[in-house]
């Protein structure tokens, strides 16, 4: 076998090997294995913030917050809708808080918020 043919076979082998790496591996019972990304993680980490304004009737809170990692959002001050208005009852302007925010149908919603003591 000449050198060009050997190189050609090696090249084809490499291509097949690389191409195979693009397919998903199978999990248990022949099912495709799931791949979890941070954005898919339903147990989002808590983020630190400070209450700047409250609208308990409308269920909104303005927070100056640190980076919200699960949403890939830098720190800033913004208004959030709270999933459960009752969570705002214990809050006051100036409170340091920890909260969990998710994207729900394109809106950022706080699902959990509590005062840090």
N, C-alpha and C. Protein backbone atom coordinates (compact mmCIF):
# COMPACT_ATOMS: atom_id res chain seq x y z
N UNK A 1 0.86 -1.17 0.00
CA UNK A 1 0.00 0.00 0.00
C UNK A 1 0.90 1.23 0.00
N UNK A 2 0.57 2.18 -0.85
CA UNK A 2 1.43 3.35 -0.92
C UNK A 2 1.11 4.34 0.20
N UNK A 3 1.99 5.31 0.37
CA UNK A 3 1.89 6.29 1.46
C UNK A 3 0.62 7.14 1.35
N UNK A 4 0.22 7.55 0.16
CA UNK A 4 -0.97 8.38 -0.02
C UNK A 4 -2.24 7.63 0.42
N UNK A 5 -2.29 6.35 0.10
CA UNK A 5 -3.45 5.56 0.48
C UNK A 5 -3.51 5.40 2.00
N UNK A 6 -2.39 5.19 2.64
CA UNK A 6 -2.34 5.07 4.11
C UNK A 6 -2.80 6.37 4.76
N UNK A 7 -2.31 7.50 4.25
CA UNK A 7 -2.73 8.80 4.80
C UNK A 7 -4.23 9.01 4.60
N UNK A 8 -4.73 8.60 3.43
CA UNK A 8 -6.16 8.72 3.16
C UNK A 8 -6.99 7.91 4.14
N UNK A 9 -6.55 6.69 4.44
CA UNK A 9 -7.28 5.86 5.39
C UNK A 9 -7.23 6.44 6.80
N UNK A 10 -6.09 6.98 7.18
CA UNK A 10 -5.97 7.62 8.49
C UNK A 10 -6.91 8.82 8.56
N UNK A 11 -6.94 9.62 7.50
CA UNK A 11 -7.79 10.80 7.45
C UNK A 11 -9.27 10.42 7.57
N UNK A 12 -9.69 9.39 6.84
CA UNK A 12 -11.08 8.91 6.92
C UNK A 12 -11.39 8.43 8.33
N UNK A 13 -10.45 7.71 8.95
CA UNK A 13 -10.64 7.23 10.32
C UNK A 13 -10.82 8.38 11.30
N UNK A 14 -10.02 9.40 11.13
CA UNK A 14 -10.12 10.58 12.00
C UNK A 14 -11.46 11.26 11.80
N UNK A 15 -11.89 11.43 10.57
CA UNK A 15 -13.18 12.05 10.29
C UNK A 15 -14.33 11.27 10.91
N UNK A 16 -14.29 9.96 10.77
CA UNK A 16 -15.34 9.13 11.36
C UNK A 16 -15.35 9.25 12.87
N UNK A 17 -14.19 9.28 13.46
CA UNK A 17 -14.08 9.40 14.91
C UNK A 17 -14.59 10.75 15.38
N UNK A 18 -14.22 11.83 14.72
CA UNK A 18 -14.69 13.16 15.09
C UNK A 18 -16.17 13.28 14.85
N UNK A 19 -16.64 12.78 13.74
CA UNK A 19 -18.07 12.84 13.43
C UNK A 19 -18.90 12.11 14.45
N UNK A 20 -18.40 10.97 14.93
CA UNK A 20 -19.12 10.21 15.94
C UNK A 20 -19.22 10.95 17.26
N UNK A 21 -18.28 11.83 17.52
CA UNK A 21 -18.28 12.57 18.78
C UNK A 21 -19.40 13.59 18.83
N UNK A 22 -20.00 13.92 17.68
CA UNK A 22 -21.06 14.91 17.68
C UNK A 22 -22.41 14.33 18.05
N UNK A 23 -22.53 13.00 18.08
CA UNK A 23 -23.78 12.37 18.44
C UNK A 23 -23.90 12.26 19.95
N UNK A 24 -25.13 12.37 20.44
CA UNK A 24 -25.37 12.27 21.88
C UNK A 24 -25.13 10.84 22.33
N UNK A 25 -24.59 10.71 23.51
CA UNK A 25 -24.40 9.38 24.10
C UNK A 25 -25.72 8.90 24.65
N UNK A 26 -25.88 7.62 24.67
CA UNK A 26 -27.11 7.08 25.22
C UNK A 26 -26.99 6.91 26.72
N UNK A 27 -28.09 7.18 27.40
CA UNK A 27 -28.15 7.00 28.85
C UNK A 27 -28.64 5.60 29.16
N UNK A 28 -29.26 5.48 30.30
CA UNK A 28 -29.77 4.19 30.75
C UNK A 28 -30.90 3.71 29.84
N UNK A 29 -31.02 2.45 29.59
CA UNK A 29 -32.08 1.82 28.82
C UNK A 29 -32.17 2.35 27.40
N UNK A 30 -31.04 2.76 26.81
CA UNK A 30 -31.02 3.19 25.42
C UNK A 30 -31.59 4.57 25.18
N UNK A 31 -31.99 5.28 26.23
CA UNK A 31 -32.54 6.62 26.08
C UNK A 31 -31.41 7.62 25.92
N UNK A 32 -31.61 8.70 25.16
CA UNK A 32 -30.57 9.72 25.05
C UNK A 32 -30.27 10.31 26.43
N UNK A 33 -28.99 10.51 26.70
CA UNK A 33 -28.60 11.10 27.98
C UNK A 33 -28.99 12.57 27.97
N UNK A 34 -29.47 13.07 29.10
CA UNK A 34 -29.81 14.48 29.18
C UNK A 34 -28.58 15.28 29.55
N UNK A 35 -28.53 16.48 29.04
CA UNK A 35 -27.43 17.38 29.35
C UNK A 35 -28.03 18.58 30.05
N UNK A 36 -27.59 18.86 31.25
CA UNK A 36 -28.13 19.98 32.01
C UNK A 36 -27.19 21.16 31.91
N UNK A 37 -27.74 22.30 31.53
CA UNK A 37 -26.97 23.53 31.48
C UNK A 37 -27.41 24.42 32.63
N UNK A 38 -26.61 25.43 33.01
CA UNK A 38 -27.02 26.31 34.10
C UNK A 38 -28.38 26.94 33.88
N UNK A 39 -28.70 27.28 32.66
CA UNK A 39 -29.99 27.91 32.40
C UNK A 39 -31.14 26.94 32.64
N UNK A 40 -30.89 25.64 32.54
CA UNK A 40 -31.93 24.64 32.74
C UNK A 40 -32.09 24.28 34.21
N UNK A 41 -31.17 24.69 35.02
CA UNK A 41 -31.18 24.33 36.42
C UNK A 41 -32.35 25.01 37.11
N UNK A 42 -33.32 24.23 37.59
CA UNK A 42 -34.51 24.81 38.21
C UNK A 42 -34.23 25.30 39.62
N UNK A 43 -33.21 24.80 40.25
CA UNK A 43 -32.84 25.25 41.59
C UNK A 43 -31.82 26.38 41.47
N UNK A 44 -32.32 27.53 41.03
CA UNK A 44 -31.43 28.67 40.82
C UNK A 44 -30.84 29.14 42.15
N UNK A 45 -29.61 29.59 42.08
CA UNK A 45 -28.93 30.08 43.27
C UNK A 45 -29.56 31.38 43.75
N UNK A 46 -29.41 31.65 45.03
CA UNK A 46 -29.91 32.90 45.59
C UNK A 46 -28.96 34.03 45.24
N UNK A 47 -29.52 35.21 45.03
CA UNK A 47 -28.76 36.40 44.68
C UNK A 47 -28.96 37.44 45.78
N UNK A 48 -27.91 38.20 46.08
CA UNK A 48 -28.01 39.24 47.10
C UNK A 48 -28.52 40.53 46.48
N UNK A 49 -29.26 41.28 47.28
CA UNK A 49 -29.79 42.55 46.80
C UNK A 49 -30.18 43.46 47.96
N UNK A 50 -30.60 44.66 47.59
CA UNK A 50 -31.08 45.63 48.58
C UNK A 50 -32.38 46.22 48.06
N UNK A 51 -33.41 46.27 48.94
CA UNK A 51 -34.71 46.80 48.56
C UNK A 51 -34.60 48.32 48.42
N UNK A 52 -34.95 48.83 47.26
CA UNK A 52 -34.93 50.27 46.99
C UNK A 52 -36.33 50.86 47.00
N UNK A 53 -37.33 50.07 46.59
CA UNK A 53 -38.70 50.55 46.52
C UNK A 53 -39.64 49.35 46.59
N UNK A 54 -40.80 49.55 47.20
CA UNK A 54 -41.80 48.48 47.32
C UNK A 54 -43.14 48.95 46.80
N UNK A 55 -43.84 48.12 46.08
CA UNK A 55 -45.23 48.34 45.70
C UNK A 55 -45.94 47.03 46.02
N UNK A 56 -46.29 46.91 47.31
CA UNK A 56 -46.87 45.64 47.79
C UNK A 56 -48.20 45.33 47.12
N UNK A 57 -48.99 46.37 46.84
CA UNK A 57 -50.28 46.16 46.19
C UNK A 57 -50.13 45.55 44.80
N UNK A 58 -49.16 46.05 44.04
CA UNK A 58 -48.93 45.55 42.68
C UNK A 58 -48.04 44.31 42.65
N UNK A 59 -47.45 43.96 43.80
CA UNK A 59 -46.58 42.79 43.85
C UNK A 59 -45.24 43.02 43.19
N UNK A 60 -44.72 44.27 43.33
CA UNK A 60 -43.45 44.61 42.70
C UNK A 60 -42.46 45.13 43.74
N UNK A 61 -41.18 44.85 43.45
CA UNK A 61 -40.11 45.32 44.32
C UNK A 61 -38.96 45.79 43.43
N UNK A 62 -38.39 46.94 43.79
CA UNK A 62 -37.21 47.44 43.09
C UNK A 62 -36.00 47.04 43.91
N UNK A 63 -35.07 46.34 43.28
CA UNK A 63 -33.88 45.85 43.97
C UNK A 63 -32.62 46.34 43.27
N UNK A 64 -31.64 46.71 44.08
CA UNK A 64 -30.27 46.87 43.58
C UNK A 64 -29.66 45.51 43.86
N UNK A 65 -29.27 44.79 42.80
CA UNK A 65 -28.87 43.40 42.98
C UNK A 65 -27.50 43.11 42.39
N UNK A 66 -26.91 42.04 42.90
CA UNK A 66 -25.66 41.50 42.36
C UNK A 66 -25.99 40.73 41.09
N UNK A 67 -24.97 40.17 40.45
CA UNK A 67 -25.16 39.38 39.24
C UNK A 67 -26.14 38.23 39.52
N UNK A 68 -27.10 38.06 38.64
CA UNK A 68 -28.02 36.92 38.72
C UNK A 68 -27.48 35.87 37.76
N UNK A 69 -26.71 34.94 38.30
CA UNK A 69 -25.95 33.99 37.48
C UNK A 69 -26.83 33.09 36.64
N UNK A 70 -27.91 32.58 37.18
CA UNK A 70 -28.75 31.65 36.41
C UNK A 70 -29.44 32.34 35.24
N UNK A 71 -29.51 33.67 35.24
CA UNK A 71 -30.11 34.41 34.14
C UNK A 71 -29.06 35.13 33.30
N UNK A 72 -27.79 34.96 33.68
CA UNK A 72 -26.69 35.62 32.99
C UNK A 72 -26.92 37.13 32.92
N UNK A 73 -27.31 37.71 34.07
CA UNK A 73 -27.65 39.12 34.15
C UNK A 73 -26.67 39.83 35.09
N UNK A 74 -26.06 40.92 34.63
CA UNK A 74 -25.13 41.63 35.50
C UNK A 74 -25.87 42.35 36.63
N UNK A 75 -25.12 42.78 37.64
CA UNK A 75 -25.72 43.53 38.73
C UNK A 75 -26.27 44.86 38.23
N UNK A 76 -27.40 45.27 38.78
CA UNK A 76 -28.05 46.53 38.40
C UNK A 76 -29.19 46.80 39.36
N UNK A 77 -29.90 47.88 39.13
CA UNK A 77 -31.12 48.18 39.88
C UNK A 77 -32.29 48.05 38.93
N UNK A 78 -33.28 47.26 39.33
CA UNK A 78 -34.43 47.05 38.45
C UNK A 78 -35.67 46.64 39.24
N UNK A 79 -36.81 46.75 38.60
CA UNK A 79 -38.10 46.37 39.19
C UNK A 79 -38.40 44.92 38.83
N UNK A 80 -38.83 44.17 39.83
CA UNK A 80 -39.20 42.77 39.63
C UNK A 80 -40.64 42.56 40.04
N UNK A 81 -41.32 41.68 39.32
CA UNK A 81 -42.62 41.17 39.73
C UNK A 81 -42.34 40.01 40.69
N UNK A 82 -43.13 39.90 41.73
CA UNK A 82 -42.98 38.80 42.69
C UNK A 82 -44.11 37.80 42.45
N UNK A 83 -43.75 36.53 42.38
CA UNK A 83 -44.74 35.49 42.09
C UNK A 83 -45.85 35.48 43.15
N UNK A 84 -45.46 35.63 44.41
CA UNK A 84 -46.43 35.62 45.52
C UNK A 84 -46.30 36.94 46.29
N UNK A 85 -47.32 37.81 46.17
CA UNK A 85 -47.29 39.13 46.82
C UNK A 85 -47.07 39.04 48.33
N UNK A 86 -47.49 37.95 48.93
CA UNK A 86 -47.36 37.79 50.39
C UNK A 86 -45.89 37.83 50.83
N UNK A 87 -44.97 37.50 49.93
CA UNK A 87 -43.55 37.52 50.27
C UNK A 87 -43.04 38.94 50.54
N UNK A 88 -43.77 39.93 50.08
CA UNK A 88 -43.34 41.32 50.27
C UNK A 88 -43.75 41.89 51.64
N UNK A 89 -44.63 41.20 52.33
CA UNK A 89 -45.17 41.71 53.60
C UNK A 89 -44.09 42.03 54.62
N UNK A 90 -43.05 41.22 54.70
CA UNK A 90 -42.01 41.41 55.72
C UNK A 90 -40.89 42.35 55.27
N UNK A 91 -40.95 42.85 54.04
CA UNK A 91 -39.86 43.67 53.52
C UNK A 91 -40.07 45.16 53.76
N UNK A 92 -38.95 45.86 53.91
CA UNK A 92 -38.96 47.32 54.03
C UNK A 92 -37.84 47.88 53.16
N UNK A 93 -38.02 49.12 52.72
CA UNK A 93 -36.98 49.78 51.94
C UNK A 93 -35.69 49.80 52.76
N UNK A 94 -34.60 49.45 52.14
CA UNK A 94 -33.29 49.41 52.81
C UNK A 94 -32.88 48.02 53.28
N UNK A 95 -33.83 47.07 53.30
CA UNK A 95 -33.50 45.70 53.73
C UNK A 95 -32.51 45.06 52.77
N UNK A 96 -31.56 44.33 53.33
CA UNK A 96 -30.67 43.46 52.55
C UNK A 96 -31.42 42.15 52.40
N UNK A 97 -31.46 41.64 51.17
CA UNK A 97 -32.24 40.43 50.90
C UNK A 97 -31.44 39.44 50.07
N UNK A 98 -31.93 38.23 50.08
CA UNK A 98 -31.50 37.20 49.14
C UNK A 98 -32.75 36.77 48.41
N UNK A 99 -32.61 36.56 47.10
CA UNK A 99 -33.79 36.22 46.31
C UNK A 99 -33.42 35.26 45.20
N UNK A 100 -34.45 34.62 44.68
CA UNK A 100 -34.31 33.72 43.54
C UNK A 100 -35.20 34.27 42.44
N UNK A 101 -34.61 34.46 41.26
CA UNK A 101 -35.37 34.97 40.12
C UNK A 101 -35.27 33.99 38.97
N UNK A 102 -36.36 33.88 38.23
CA UNK A 102 -36.39 33.02 37.05
C UNK A 102 -36.99 33.80 35.88
N UNK A 103 -36.79 33.28 34.69
CA UNK A 103 -37.44 33.82 33.52
C UNK A 103 -38.70 33.00 33.29
N UNK A 104 -39.85 33.67 33.29
CA UNK A 104 -41.13 33.00 33.12
C UNK A 104 -41.86 33.66 31.96
N UNK A 105 -41.91 32.99 30.83
CA UNK A 105 -42.56 33.52 29.62
C UNK A 105 -41.99 34.88 29.24
N UNK A 106 -40.68 35.02 29.36
CA UNK A 106 -40.01 36.25 28.96
C UNK A 106 -39.96 37.33 30.02
N UNK A 107 -40.58 37.11 31.16
CA UNK A 107 -40.55 38.08 32.25
C UNK A 107 -39.68 37.53 33.37
N UNK A 108 -38.93 38.42 34.02
CA UNK A 108 -38.13 38.02 35.17
C UNK A 108 -39.03 38.11 36.40
N UNK A 109 -39.17 36.99 37.10
CA UNK A 109 -40.07 36.90 38.25
C UNK A 109 -39.30 36.38 39.46
N UNK A 110 -39.53 37.00 40.61
CA UNK A 110 -38.95 36.54 41.86
C UNK A 110 -39.84 35.45 42.43
N UNK A 111 -39.24 34.28 42.67
CA UNK A 111 -39.99 33.15 43.22
C UNK A 111 -39.77 33.00 44.72
N UNK A 112 -38.72 33.61 45.22
CA UNK A 112 -38.38 33.52 46.65
C UNK A 112 -37.61 34.77 47.02
N UNK A 113 -37.94 35.36 48.16
CA UNK A 113 -37.18 36.51 48.66
C UNK A 113 -37.30 36.55 50.17
N UNK A 114 -36.17 36.80 50.84
CA UNK A 114 -36.19 36.93 52.30
C UNK A 114 -35.09 37.87 52.77
N UNK A 115 -35.34 38.47 53.93
CA UNK A 115 -34.40 39.42 54.53
C UNK A 115 -33.21 38.66 55.07
N UNK A 116 -32.01 39.23 54.86
CA UNK A 116 -30.78 38.67 55.41
C UNK A 116 -30.55 39.34 56.75
N UNK A 117 -30.34 38.53 57.79
CA UNK A 117 -30.14 39.10 59.14
C UNK A 117 -28.70 39.08 59.52
